[in-house]
Amino acid sequence: MTARRTETVVLLHALFLDSSMWQSQRRALERLGHSVLAFDQRGFGGTPLGTDVPALDTVADDLAAALDAEGHDRVVLVGSSMGGYVAMRFLQRHPHRVCGLVLSATRASADSPEEVARRESFARLMEDERVRDGLLAQTMPLLLGATTRADRPELLERLLRDVAQGPPAAVAWAQRAIAARPDSFAVLGATTVPAVVVAGTEDELVPLEEARRMAAALPQGQLVTVAGAGHLQPLEAPEVFTGVLTRLLDDIDEQERVPGGRTC
């Protein structure tokens, strides 16, 4: 009997949070024998912010350096929200290193001028301690779906607590980096590895149509919708999201067994 392969999985966190958001998925994947790198973007989770100009390309190259340091060659990328933006820049700059892809609650389209202006305004307000707490209290509920807010108020309380302890300078840097990102639909169109786009049916920040367009652009893409979840499906529906990851890893394993079907 042929042994099941185990892949290296990279987990890229959402804005405001850090790699601890992946605790449930990390435990499940490691139990299955996968090597997991839950990567903290610069400024988050104790990673130094540095003095570079805000740019997601810089974060993508940070990830490449981290993979080199740990001896990982080809990986399965999983990105939530901001993590999805980082994943798409990594795909642009290091396509040969990706053998599977999951994009959750993210966009392949670039920001409009109005959206760029809103992100810059948000970044400036994050840097102003007089208004920061009120801004976060107003914004954080939008990260969770209406069902989650109603049924699991403790998750919103945890989110508010974690974000309040986060680094404002890193959030501001990341918002400016996200605002400067290019359109990534051509990148997705050139990505021929197994891929899944995940969307919460109650996501108030990224329309479902955006997820449909992304899945259609990926040659091996599929769309998975998570009922009753908003923008943070790994936290709102951890078992469902973990199931998405394990099914993709099974698909990669099956392709590995086909002559000439190498992915990882």
C-alpha atoms as a PDB file:
ATOM      1  CA  MET A   1       0.000   0.000   0.000  1.00  0.00           C
ATOM      2  CA  THR A   2       1.405   3.416  -0.967  1.00  0.00           C
ATOM      3  CA  ALA A   3       1.921   5.724   1.985  1.00  0.00           C
ATOM      4  CA  ARG A   4       0.012   8.973   2.023  1.00  0.00           C
ATOM      5  CA  ARG A   5       2.149  12.029   1.292  1.00  0.00           C
ATOM      6  CA  THR A   6       2.273  14.896   3.754  1.00  0.00           C
ATOM      7  CA  GLU A   7       2.644  18.454   2.509  1.00  0.00           C
ATOM      8  CA  THR A   8       4.016  21.619   4.054  1.00  0.00           C
ATOM      9  CA  VAL A   9       1.169  24.056   4.676  1.00  0.00           C
ATOM     10  CA  VAL A  10       1.715  27.799   5.144  1.00  0.00           C
ATOM     11  CA  LEU A  11      -1.026  29.683   7.002  1.00  0.00           C
ATOM     12  CA  LEU A  12      -1.219  33.452   6.381  1.00  0.00           C
ATOM     13  CA  HIS A  13      -3.268  35.449   8.876  1.00  0.00           C
ATOM     14  CA  ALA A  14      -5.844  38.188   8.454  1.00  0.00           C
ATOM     15  CA  LEU A  15      -5.352  41.877   9.188  1.00  0.00           C
ATOM     16  CA  PHE A  16      -5.506  42.854  12.893  1.00  0.00           C
ATOM     17  CA  LEU A  17      -4.715  39.260  13.932  1.00  0.00           C
ATOM     18  CA  ASP A  18      -1.628  37.057  13.999  1.00  0.00           C
ATOM     19  CA  SER A  19      -0.750  33.414  13.475  1.00  0.00           C
ATOM     20  CA  SER A  20      -2.668  32.381  16.617  1.00  0.00           C
ATOM     21  CA  MET A  21      -5.892  32.660  14.578  1.00  0.00           C
ATOM     22  CA  TRP A  22      -4.903  29.328  12.989  1.00  0.00           C
ATOM     23  CA  GLN A  23      -4.664  27.358  16.236  1.00  0.00           C
ATOM     24  CA  SER A  24      -7.478  24.935  15.350  1.00  0.00           C
ATOM     25  CA  GLN A  25      -6.282  24.295  11.786  1.00  0.00           C
ATOM     26  CA  ARG A  26      -2.667  23.961  12.833  1.00  0.00           C
ATOM     27  CA  ARG A  27      -3.432  21.290  15.416  1.00  0.00           C
ATOM     28  CA  ALA A  28      -5.587  19.314  12.973  1.00  0.00           C
ATOM     29  CA  LEU A  29      -3.032  19.425  10.148  1.00  0.00           C
ATOM     30  CA  GLU A  30      -0.126  18.484  12.394  1.00  0.00           C
ATOM     31  CA  ARG A  31      -2.108  15.501  13.679  1.00  0.00           C
ATOM     32  CA  LEU A  32      -2.325  14.348  10.059  1.00  0.00           C
ATOM     33  CA  GLY A  33       1.442  14.585   9.746  1.00  0.00           C
ATOM     34  CA  HIS A  34       1.693  17.822   7.778  1.00  0.00           C
ATOM     35  CA  SER A  35       4.424  20.332   8.445  1.00  0.00           C
ATOM     36  CA  VAL A  36       2.756  23.666   9.235  1.00  0.00           C
ATOM     37  CA  LEU A  37       4.233  27.158   9.146  1.00  0.00           C
ATOM     38  CA  ALA A  38       1.841  29.698  10.691  1.00  0.00           C
ATOM     39  CA  PHE A  39       3.583  32.820   9.447  1.00  0.00           C
ATOM     40  CA  ASP A  40       3.438  36.173  11.253  1.00  0.00           C
ATOM     41  CA  GLN A  41       3.563  39.091   8.844  1.00  0.00           C
ATOM     42  CA  ARG A  42       6.015  41.823   9.816  1.00  0.00           C
ATOM     43  CA  GLY A  43       4.767  43.806  12.769  1.00  0.00           C
ATOM     44  CA  PHE A  44       2.425  41.053  14.003  1.00  0.00           C
ATOM     45  CA  GLY A  45       2.962  38.261  16.509  1.00  0.00           C
ATOM     46  CA  GLY A  46       6.223  39.729  17.720  1.00  0.00           C
ATOM     47  CA  THR A  47       7.797  39.975  14.261  1.00  0.00           C
ATOM     48  CA  PRO A  48       9.667  43.300  13.851  1.00  0.00           C
ATOM     49  CA  LEU A  49       7.964  45.822  11.596  1.00  0.00           C
ATOM     50  CA  GLY A  50      11.156  47.297  10.212  1.00  0.00           C
ATOM     51  CA  THR A  51      11.445  50.517   8.236  1.00  0.00           C
ATOM     52  CA  ASP A  52      10.603  49.377   4.695  1.00  0.00           C
ATOM     53  CA  VAL A  53       8.033  51.217   2.608  1.00  0.00           C
ATOM     54  CA  PRO A  54       4.664  49.419   2.911  1.00  0.00           C
ATOM     55  CA  ALA A  55       4.483  46.747   0.187  1.00  0.00           C
ATOM     56  CA  LEU A  56       3.033  43.239   0.039  1.00  0.00           C
ATOM     57  CA  ASP A  57       5.935  42.204  -2.204  1.00  0.00           C
ATOM     58  CA  THR A  58       8.183  42.773   0.802  1.00  0.00           C
ATOM     59  CA  VAL A  59       6.010  40.466   2.903  1.00  0.00           C
ATOM     60  CA  ALA A  60       6.020  37.820   0.146  1.00  0.00           C
ATOM     61  CA  ASP A  61       9.803  37.910   0.090  1.00  0.00           C
ATOM     62  CA  ASP A  62       9.861  37.711   3.902  1.00  0.00           C
ATOM     63  CA  LEU A  63       7.890  34.485   3.563  1.00  0.00           C
ATOM     64  CA  ALA A  64      10.277  33.123   0.925  1.00  0.00           C
ATOM     65  CA  ALA A  65      13.204  33.815   3.264  1.00  0.00           C
ATOM     66  CA  ALA A  66      11.394  32.078   6.142  1.00  0.00           C
ATOM     67  CA  LEU A  67      10.769  29.017   3.962  1.00  0.00           C
ATOM     68  CA  ASP A  68      14.432  28.941   2.957  1.00  0.00           C
ATOM     69  CA  ALA A  69      15.491  29.170   6.584  1.00  0.00           C
ATOM     70  CA  GLU A  70      13.304  26.197   7.523  1.00  0.00           C
ATOM     71  CA  GLY A  71      14.242  24.133   4.477  1.00  0.00           C
ATOM     72  CA  HIS A  72      10.844  24.191   2.762  1.00  0.00           C
ATOM     73  CA  ASP A  73      10.754  24.196  -1.038  1.00  0.00           C
ATOM     74  CA  ARG A  74       7.193  23.842  -2.383  1.00  0.00           C
ATOM     75  CA  VAL A  75       4.242  24.561  -0.125  1.00  0.00           C
ATOM     76  CA  VAL A  76       0.467  24.771   0.041  1.00  0.00           C
ATOM     77  CA  LEU A  77      -0.500  28.406   0.670  1.00  0.00           C
ATOM     78  CA  VAL A  78      -3.552  29.279   2.771  1.00  0.00           C
ATOM     79  CA  GLY A  79      -4.409  32.967   3.111  1.00  0.00           C
ATOM     80  CA  SER A  80      -7.236  34.634   5.018  1.00  0.00           C
ATOM     81  CA  SER A  81      -8.154  38.220   4.067  1.00  0.00           C
ATOM     82  CA  MET A  82      -4.810  40.091   4.163  1.00  0.00           C
ATOM     83  CA  GLY A  83      -3.125  36.697   4.075  1.00  0.00           C
ATOM     84  CA  GLY A  84      -4.784  36.098   0.720  1.00  0.00           C
ATOM     85  CA  TYR A  85      -3.286  39.299  -0.640  1.00  0.00           C
ATOM     86  CA  VAL A  86       0.139  38.133   0.531  1.00  0.00           C
ATOM     87  CA  ALA A  87      -0.444  34.721  -1.060  1.00  0.00           C
ATOM     88  CA  MET A  88      -1.209  36.283  -4.436  1.00  0.00           C
ATOM     89  CA  ARG A  89       1.933  38.420  -4.326  1.00  0.00           C
ATOM     90  CA  PHE A  90       3.914  35.306  -3.397  1.00  0.00           C
ATOM     91  CA  LEU A  91       2.378  33.546  -6.402  1.00  0.00           C
ATOM     92  CA  GLN A  92       3.533  36.399  -8.615  1.00  0.00           C
ATOM     93  CA  ARG A  93       7.082  36.446  -7.281  1.00  0.00           C
ATOM     94  CA  HIS A  94       7.683  32.767  -6.423  1.00  0.00           C
ATOM     95  CA  PRO A  95       5.201  30.703  -8.487  1.00  0.00           C
ATOM     96  CA  HIS A  96       7.423  27.612  -8.637  1.00  0.00           C
ATOM     97  CA  ARG A  97       7.182  27.247  -4.848  1.00  0.00           C
ATOM     98  CA  VAL A  98       3.387  26.807  -4.652  1.00  0.00           C
ATOM     99  CA  CYS A  99       1.701  23.431  -5.119  1.00  0.00           C
ATOM    100  CA  GLY A 100      -1.725  24.214  -3.703  1.00  0.00           C
ATOM    101  CA  LEU A 101      -3.739  27.294  -2.793  1.00  0.00           C
ATOM    102  CA  VAL A 102      -6.609  28.346  -0.526  1.00  0.00           C
ATOM    103  CA  LEU A 103      -7.840  31.949  -0.624  1.00  0.00           C
ATOM    104  CA  SER A 104     -10.404  33.011   1.963  1.00  0.00           C
ATOM    105  CA  ALA A 105     -12.283  36.318   2.249  1.00  0.00           C
ATOM    106  CA  THR A 106      -9.939  38.141  -0.091  1.00  0.00           C
ATOM    107  CA  ARG A 107      -9.976  39.972  -3.419  1.00  0.00           C
ATOM    108  CA  ALA A 108      -7.983  39.600  -6.626  1.00  0.00           C
ATOM    109  CA  SER A 109      -9.046  43.030  -7.868  1.00  0.00           C
ATOM    110  CA  ALA A 110      -7.062  46.141  -7.015  1.00  0.00           C
ATOM    111  CA  ASP A 111      -8.575  48.858  -4.840  1.00  0.00           C
ATOM    112  CA  SER A 112     -10.418  51.705  -6.509  1.00  0.00           C
ATOM    113  CA  PRO A 113      -9.145  55.236  -5.817  1.00  0.00           C
ATOM    114  CA  GLU A 114     -11.955  55.618  -3.283  1.00  0.00           C
ATOM    115  CA  GLU A 115     -10.945  52.401  -1.513  1.00  0.00           C
ATOM    116  CA  VAL A 116      -7.298  53.496  -1.472  1.00  0.00           C
ATOM    117  CA  ALA A 117      -8.352  56.762   0.166  1.00  0.00           C
ATOM    118  CA  ARG A 118     -10.408  54.899   2.787  1.00  0.00           C
ATOM    119  CA  ARG A 119      -7.462  52.657   3.660  1.00  0.00           C
ATOM    120  CA  GLU A 120      -5.154  55.664   4.002  1.00  0.00           C
ATOM    121  CA  SER A 121      -7.691  57.370   6.260  1.00  0.00           C
ATOM    122  CA  PHE A 122      -7.973  54.210   8.371  1.00  0.00           C
ATOM    123  CA  ALA A 123      -4.172  53.998   8.646  1.00  0.00           C
ATOM    124  CA  ARG A 124      -3.941  57.605   9.847  1.00  0.00           C
ATOM    125  CA  LEU A 125      -6.685  57.049  12.415  1.00  0.00           C
ATOM    126  CA  MET A 126      -4.915  53.910  13.681  1.00  0.00           C
ATOM    127  CA  GLU A 127      -1.895  56.084  14.357  1.00  0.00           C
ATOM    128  CA  ASP A 128      -3.996  58.509  16.446  1.00  0.00           C
ATOM    129  CA  GLU A 129      -4.424  57.122  19.943  1.00  0.00           C
ATOM    130  CA  ARG A 130      -7.282  59.548  20.649  1.00  0.00           C
ATOM    131  CA  VAL A 131      -9.648  57.825  18.197  1.00  0.00           C
ATOM    132  CA  ARG A 132      -8.121  54.359  17.781  1.00  0.00           C
ATOM    133  CA  ASP A 133     -10.247  52.489  20.329  1.00  0.00           C
ATOM    134  CA  GLY A 134     -13.498  53.874  18.941  1.00  0.00           C
ATOM    135  CA  LEU A 135     -12.447  53.014  15.404  1.00  0.00           C
ATOM    136  CA  LEU A 136     -11.700  49.411  16.327  1.00  0.00           C
ATOM    137  CA  ALA A 137     -14.930  49.019  18.296  1.00  0.00           C
ATOM    138  CA  GLN A 138     -16.847  50.190  15.236  1.00  0.00           C
ATOM    139  CA  THR A 139     -14.907  48.069  12.734  1.00  0.00           C
ATOM    140  CA  MET A 140     -14.336  44.718  14.441  1.00  0.00           C
ATOM    141  CA  PRO A 141     -17.960  43.462  14.393  1.00  0.00           C
ATOM    142  CA  LEU A 142     -17.845  43.633  10.575  1.00  0.00           C
ATOM    143  CA  LEU A 143     -15.252  40.854  10.590  1.00  0.00           C
ATOM    144  CA  LEU A 144     -17.827  38.355  11.858  1.00  0.00           C
ATOM    145  CA  GLY A 145     -21.073  37.267  10.274  1.00  0.00           C
ATOM    146  CA  ALA A 146     -24.443  38.212  11.748  1.00  0.00           C
ATOM    147  CA  THR A 147     -25.027  34.617  12.855  1.00  0.00           C
ATOM    148  CA  THR A 148     -21.702  34.493  14.667  1.00  0.00           C
ATOM    149  CA  ARG A 149     -22.326  37.830  16.373  1.00  0.00           C
ATOM    150  CA  ALA A 150     -25.716  36.608  17.582  1.00  0.00           C
ATOM    151  CA  ASP A 151     -24.808  33.057  18.561  1.00  0.00           C
ATOM    152  CA  ARG A 152     -21.196  33.444  19.693  1.00  0.00           C
ATOM    153  CA  PRO A 153     -20.753  36.825  21.365  1.00  0.00           C
ATOM    154  CA  GLU A 154     -17.684  35.456  23.149  1.00  0.00           C
ATOM    155  CA  LEU A 155     -15.863  35.304  19.802  1.00  0.00           C
ATOM    156  CA  LEU A 156     -16.481  38.991  19.216  1.00  0.00           C
ATOM    157  CA  GLU A 157     -15.270  39.743  22.743  1.00  0.00           C
ATOM    158  CA  ARG A 158     -12.107  37.738  22.084  1.00  0.00           C
ATOM    159  CA  LEU A 159     -11.582  39.525  18.777  1.00  0.00           C
ATOM    160  CA  LEU A 160     -11.936  42.944  20.384  1.00  0.00           C
ATOM    161  CA  ARG A 161      -9.539  41.949  23.157  1.00  0.00           C
ATOM    162  CA  ASP A 162      -6.908  40.547  20.813  1.00  0.00           C
ATOM    163  CA  VAL A 163      -7.065  43.487  18.428  1.00  0.00           C
ATOM    164  CA  ALA A 164      -6.850  46.028  21.266  1.00  0.00           C
ATOM    165  CA  GLN A 165      -3.532  44.468  22.242  1.00  0.00           C
ATOM    166  CA  GLY A 166      -2.222  44.514  18.681  1.00  0.00           C
ATOM    167  CA  PRO A 167       0.349  46.877  17.142  1.00  0.00           C
ATOM    168  CA  PRO A 168      -1.309  49.971  15.600  1.00  0.00           C
ATOM    169  CA  ALA A 169       1.787  50.800  13.532  1.00  0.00           C
ATOM    170  CA  ALA A 170       1.690  47.347  11.932  1.00  0.00           C
ATOM    171  CA  VAL A 171      -2.006  47.700  11.073  1.00  0.00           C
ATOM    172  CA  ALA A 172      -1.363  51.092   9.489  1.00  0.00           C
ATOM    173  CA  TRP A 173       1.620  49.716   7.524  1.00  0.00           C
ATOM    174  CA  ALA A 174      -0.419  46.758   6.327  1.00  0.00           C
ATOM    175  CA  GLN A 175      -3.373  48.916   5.246  1.00  0.00           C
ATOM    176  CA  ARG A 176      -1.053  51.023   3.105  1.00  0.00           C
ATOM    177  CA  ALA A 177       0.586  47.900   1.654  1.00  0.00           C
ATOM    178  CA  ILE A 178      -2.810  46.419   0.781  1.00  0.00           C
ATOM    179  CA  ALA A 179      -3.934  49.673  -0.823  1.00  0.00           C
ATOM    180  CA  ALA A 180      -0.903  49.617  -3.137  1.00  0.00           C
ATOM    181  CA  ARG A 181      -1.438  46.060  -4.399  1.00  0.00           C
ATOM    182  CA  PRO A 182      -2.079  45.463  -8.127  1.00  0.00           C
ATOM    183  CA  ASP A 183      -4.874  43.475  -9.756  1.00  0.00           C
ATOM    184  CA  SER A 184      -4.068  39.756  -9.452  1.00  0.00           C
ATOM    185  CA  PHE A 185      -6.478  38.087 -11.861  1.00  0.00           C
ATOM    186  CA  ALA A 186      -3.675  37.402 -14.365  1.00  0.00           C
ATOM    187  CA  VAL A 187      -1.686  35.784 -11.543  1.00  0.00           C
ATOM    188  CA  LEU A 188      -4.610  33.508 -10.716  1.00  0.00           C
ATOM    189  CA  GLY A 189      -5.052  32.636 -14.382  1.00  0.00           C
ATOM    190  CA  ALA A 190      -1.446  31.420 -14.518  1.00  0.00           C
ATOM    191  CA  THR A 191      -1.808  29.321 -11.336  1.00  0.00           C
ATOM    192  CA  THR A 192      -2.337  25.730 -12.443  1.00  0.00           C
ATOM    193  CA  VAL A 193      -2.192  24.025  -9.035  1.00  0.00           C
ATOM    194  CA  PRO A 194      -5.253  22.721  -7.126  1.00  0.00           C
ATOM    195  CA  ALA A 195      -6.972  25.735  -5.597  1.00  0.00           C
ATOM    196  CA  VAL A 196     -10.000  26.619  -3.480  1.00  0.00           C
ATOM    197  CA  VAL A 197     -11.646  29.994  -2.897  1.00  0.00           C
ATOM    198  CA  VAL A 198     -13.616  30.127   0.362  1.00  0.00           C
ATOM    199  CA  ALA A 199     -16.383  32.651   1.011  1.00  0.00           C
ATOM    200  CA  GLY A 200     -18.673  33.196   3.981  1.00  0.00           C
ATOM    201  CA  THR A 201     -22.293  33.723   3.020  1.00  0.00           C
ATOM    202  CA  GLU A 202     -22.481  36.535   5.594  1.00  0.00           C
ATOM    203  CA  ASP A 203     -19.220  38.282   4.731  1.00  0.00           C
ATOM    204  CA  GLU A 204     -19.970  42.026   4.887  1.00  0.00           C
ATOM    205  CA  LEU A 205     -16.553  43.071   3.526  1.00  0.00           C
ATOM    206  CA  VAL A 206     -15.956  40.907   0.432  1.00  0.00           C
ATOM    207  CA  PRO A 207     -18.942  40.223  -1.863  1.00  0.00           C
ATOM    208  CA  LEU A 208     -19.600  36.630  -2.890  1.00  0.00           C
ATOM    209  CA  GLU A 209     -19.354  37.681  -6.534  1.00  0.00           C
ATOM    210  CA  GLU A 210     -15.686  38.529  -5.978  1.00  0.00           C
ATOM    211  CA  ALA A 211     -15.066  34.984  -4.766  1.00  0.00           C
ATOM    212  CA  ARG A 212     -16.906  33.552  -7.785  1.00  0.00           C
ATOM    213  CA  ARG A 213     -14.718  35.572 -10.167  1.00  0.00           C
ATOM    214  CA  MET A 214     -11.554  34.389  -8.442  1.00  0.00           C
ATOM    215  CA  ALA A 215     -12.570  30.724  -8.529  1.00  0.00           C
ATOM    216  CA  ALA A 216     -13.453  31.044 -12.214  1.00  0.00           C
ATOM    217  CA  ALA A 217     -10.069  32.620 -12.966  1.00  0.00           C
ATOM    218  CA  LEU A 218      -8.126  29.717 -11.430  1.00  0.00           C
ATOM    219  CA  PRO A 219      -7.625  26.849 -13.931  1.00  0.00           C
ATOM    220  CA  GLN A 220      -8.086  24.279 -11.127  1.00  0.00           C
ATOM    221  CA  GLY A 221     -10.178  26.509  -8.898  1.00  0.00           C
ATOM    222  CA  GLN A 222     -13.309  25.651  -6.991  1.00  0.00           C
ATOM    223  CA  LEU A 223     -15.563  27.787  -4.833  1.00  0.00           C
ATOM    224  CA  VAL A 224     -16.664  26.739  -1.346  1.00  0.00           C
ATOM    225  CA  THR A 225     -19.230  28.816   0.532  1.00  0.00           C
ATOM    226  CA  VAL A 226     -19.545  28.575   4.312  1.00  0.00           C
ATOM    227  CA  ALA A 227     -23.128  29.141   5.479  1.00  0.00           C
ATOM    228  CA  GLY A 228     -23.607  31.407   8.475  1.00  0.00           C
ATOM    229  CA  ALA A 229     -20.002  32.646   8.463  1.00  0.00           C
ATOM    230  CA  GLY A 230     -18.655  36.103   7.775  1.00  0.00           C
ATOM    231  CA  HIS A 231     -15.155  37.330   6.994  1.00  0.00           C
ATOM    232  CA  LEU A 232     -13.179  35.093   9.371  1.00  0.00           C
ATOM    233  CA  GLN A 233     -14.274  31.577   8.478  1.00  0.00           C
ATOM    234  CA  PRO A 234     -11.256  29.864  10.141  1.00  0.00           C
ATOM    235  CA  LEU A 235     -12.481  31.253  13.482  1.00  0.00           C
ATOM    236  CA  GLU A 236     -16.222  31.225  12.871  1.00  0.00           C
ATOM    237  CA  ALA A 237     -16.432  27.727  11.364  1.00  0.00           C
ATOM    238  CA  PRO A 238     -13.120  26.045  12.255  1.00  0.00           C
ATOM    239  CA  GLU A 239     -14.190  22.462  11.546  1.00  0.00           C
ATOM    240  CA  VAL A 240     -15.659  23.394   8.170  1.00  0.00           C
ATOM    241  CA  PHE A 241     -12.559  25.343   7.190  1.00  0.00           C
ATOM    242  CA  THR A 242     -10.253  22.542   8.308  1.00  0.00           C
ATOM    243  CA  GLY A 243     -12.310  20.174   6.172  1.00  0.00           C
ATOM    244  CA  VAL A 244     -11.689  22.395   3.147  1.00  0.00           C
ATOM    245  CA  LEU A 245      -7.945  22.200   3.788  1.00  0.00           C
ATOM    246  CA  THR A 246      -7.843  18.448   4.260  1.00  0.00           C
ATOM    247  CA  ARG A 247      -9.886  17.802   1.110  1.00  0.00           C
ATOM    248  CA  LEU A 248      -7.506  19.966  -0.908  1.00  0.00           C
ATOM    249  CA  LEU A 249      -4.533  18.111   0.541  1.00  0.00           C
ATOM    250  CA  ASP A 250      -6.206  14.811  -0.391  1.00  0.00           C
ATOM    251  CA  ASP A 251      -6.672  16.129  -3.955  1.00  0.00           C
ATOM    252  CA  ILE A 252      -2.985  17.026  -4.124  1.00  0.00           C
ATOM    253  CA  ASP A 253      -2.082  13.587  -2.826  1.00  0.00           C
ATOM    254  CA  GLU A 254      -4.214  11.953  -5.538  1.00  0.00           C
ATOM    255  CA  GLN A 255      -2.556  14.023  -8.250  1.00  0.00           C
ATOM    256  CA  GLU A 256       0.842  13.001  -6.917  1.00  0.00           C
ATOM    257  CA  ARG A 257      -0.035   9.372  -7.603  1.00  0.00           C
ATOM    258  CA  VAL A 258      -0.792  10.004 -11.276  1.00  0.00           C
ATOM    259  CA  PRO A 259       2.267   9.562 -13.553  1.00  0.00           C
ATOM    260  CA  GLY A 260       3.489  13.011 -14.509  1.00  0.00           C
ATOM    261  CA  GLY A 261       1.055  14.628 -12.068  1.00  0.00           C
ATOM    262  CA  ARG A 262       3.562  16.147  -9.660  1.00  0.00           C
ATOM    263  CA  THR A 263       2.355  19.114  -7.633  1.00  0.00           C
ATOM    264  CA  CYS A 264       4.339  19.271  -4.366  1.00  0.00           C
END
